[in-house]
Protein backbone atom coordinates (compact mmCIF):
# COMPACT_ATOMS: atom_id res chain seq x y z
CA VAL A 1 142.71 -30.27 -144.19
CA GLN A 2 143.87 -33.10 -146.70
CA LEU A 3 144.64 -36.55 -145.13
CA GLN A 4 146.44 -39.36 -147.05
CA ALA A 5 146.42 -43.03 -146.04
CA PHE A 6 148.88 -45.63 -147.35
CA GLY A 7 150.81 -48.83 -146.59
CA GLY A 8 148.01 -51.43 -147.36
CA GLY A 9 148.39 -54.39 -149.06
CA LEU A 10 147.99 -58.42 -148.28
CA VAL A 11 149.71 -59.99 -145.64
CA GLN A 12 149.05 -63.47 -144.00
CA ALA A 13 147.39 -64.16 -140.78
CA GLY A 14 149.95 -63.52 -138.27
CA GLY A 15 152.08 -61.04 -140.11
CA SER A 16 152.58 -57.21 -139.57
CA LEU A 17 151.99 -54.17 -141.53
CA ARG A 18 152.31 -50.46 -140.63
CA LEU A 19 149.89 -47.85 -142.07
CA SER A 20 150.66 -44.51 -142.53
CA CYS A 21 148.47 -40.90 -142.59
CA ALA A 22 149.84 -37.75 -144.22
CA ALA A 23 148.11 -34.87 -143.12
CA SER A 24 148.59 -31.20 -144.44
CA GLY A 25 146.85 -28.15 -145.14
CA GLY A 26 146.20 -27.45 -141.26
CA THR A 27 147.84 -26.52 -137.77
CA PHE A 28 147.10 -30.26 -136.05
CA SER A 29 148.50 -29.08 -132.56
CA ARG A 30 144.88 -29.05 -131.16
CA TYR A 31 143.54 -32.04 -132.94
CA SER A 32 143.25 -35.95 -132.44
CA MET A 33 143.59 -38.02 -135.33
CA GLY A 34 142.04 -41.26 -135.39
CA TRP A 35 142.09 -45.02 -137.49
CA PHE A 36 139.04 -45.99 -138.41
CA ARG A 37 138.26 -49.43 -140.69
CA GLN A 38 135.18 -50.94 -142.73
CA ALA A 39 135.36 -54.45 -143.55
CA PRO A 40 133.52 -56.15 -146.68
CA GLY A 41 129.55 -56.17 -145.46
CA LYS A 42 129.75 -54.11 -142.85
CA GLU A 43 129.43 -50.81 -141.02
CA ARG A 44 133.04 -48.59 -140.30
CA GLU A 45 134.28 -48.98 -136.84
CA TYR A 46 136.47 -47.26 -134.53
CA VAL A 47 140.27 -48.94 -134.41
CA ALA A 48 142.30 -46.53 -132.86
CA THR A 49 142.68 -42.36 -131.57
CA ILE A 50 145.71 -40.27 -130.49
CA ARG A 51 146.47 -36.79 -129.76
CA TRP A 52 148.18 -34.49 -132.03
CA SER A 53 150.62 -33.66 -129.12
CA GLY A 54 151.20 -37.20 -128.14
CA GLY A 55 150.73 -39.01 -125.04
CA ARG A 56 147.46 -41.07 -124.37
CA THR A 57 146.03 -43.24 -126.99
CA TYR A 58 143.42 -45.81 -127.02
CA VAL A 59 142.51 -48.64 -129.12
CA ALA A 60 139.45 -50.65 -129.68
CA ASP A 61 139.45 -53.77 -127.52
CA SER A 62 139.13 -56.14 -130.88
CA VAL A 63 143.06 -55.07 -132.02
CA LYS A 64 144.15 -54.25 -128.14
CA GLY A 65 147.37 -55.44 -127.75
CA ARG A 66 147.57 -56.01 -131.17
CA PHE A 67 147.60 -52.49 -132.90
CA THR A 68 149.37 -49.66 -131.80
CA ILE A 69 149.13 -45.60 -132.94
CA SER A 70 151.78 -43.38 -133.18
CA ILE A 71 152.51 -40.30 -134.57
CA ASP A 72 155.73 -38.07 -135.64
CA ASN A 73 154.96 -34.58 -135.57
CA ALA A 74 157.94 -33.69 -137.41
CA LYS A 75 156.73 -35.73 -140.09
CA ASN A 76 153.12 -34.81 -139.82
CA VAL A 77 152.42 -38.38 -140.18
CA VAL A 78 150.55 -41.19 -137.85
CA TYR A 79 150.56 -44.26 -137.88
CA LEU A 80 149.24 -47.58 -137.11
CA GLN A 81 151.28 -50.79 -136.31
CA MET A 82 149.34 -53.99 -137.02
CA ASN A 83 150.77 -56.75 -135.69
CA SER A 84 149.44 -60.43 -135.42
CA LEU A 85 146.99 -59.86 -138.04
CA LYS A 86 143.75 -61.67 -138.07
CA LEU A 87 141.59 -62.64 -141.45
CA GLU A 88 138.79 -60.17 -139.70
CA ASP A 89 141.23 -57.25 -139.64
CA THR A 90 140.67 -56.99 -143.58
CA ALA A 91 139.09 -54.57 -144.06
CA VAL A 92 139.59 -50.67 -146.10
CA TYR A 93 141.56 -48.66 -143.28
CA TYR A 94 140.73 -44.81 -142.78
CA CYS A 95 142.37 -41.90 -141.02
CA ALA A 96 140.28 -39.11 -139.70
CA ALA A 97 140.89 -35.62 -137.86
CA ASN A 98 139.18 -34.18 -135.13
CA PRO A 99 140.31 -30.21 -135.01
CA ARG A 100 138.51 -30.14 -131.41
CA GLY A 101 140.99 -32.44 -130.03
CA GLN A 102 138.83 -34.83 -127.94
CA MET A 103 139.51 -38.67 -127.79
CA VAL A 104 136.38 -39.98 -128.91
CA SER A 105 135.37 -42.92 -131.11
CA ILE A 106 132.44 -41.40 -132.31
CA GLN A 107 132.82 -40.80 -136.57
CA GLY A 108 130.97 -38.04 -136.20
CA TRP A 109 133.28 -35.95 -134.10
CA TYR A 110 136.01 -36.08 -137.44
CA ASP A 111 135.81 -33.83 -139.52
CA TYR A 112 138.37 -34.66 -141.98
CA TRP A 113 139.17 -38.26 -143.68
CA GLY A 114 141.65 -39.51 -145.78
CA GLN A 115 140.56 -42.07 -148.82
CA GLY A 116 141.56 -45.28 -147.16
CA THR A 117 143.71 -47.54 -147.76
CA LEU A 118 143.07 -51.48 -147.91
CA VAL A 119 144.15 -54.24 -146.01
CA THR A 120 143.88 -57.97 -146.75
CA VAL A 121 145.08 -60.67 -144.63
CA SER A 122 144.90 -63.75 -146.46
CA SER A 123 145.13 -67.65 -144.28
């Protein structure tokens, strides 16, 4: 399984950005997919998760109402739409895949990780 995250960049506070995660090399129908992030000097933290089959999603309280996770099954791409960005959203964002399909925020449940894409929010 390979995951490639892209779409990061520099954006002003209050702006929007959409991250993409292209998945390949597996049969993902039973997977759940997650986004995590790691800010400078901090531990990696959970952002959002979605079932590959779609439907229910979960997002962390810190981004609720601003970030949305979605999936395009036909393209094998998971998205993270980020609106109303804040300075504290600056981080490297990682996509991850959980082959067991649980909708969990625990990093250890995700077996596969992408390389990360940097999001920098400026004032």
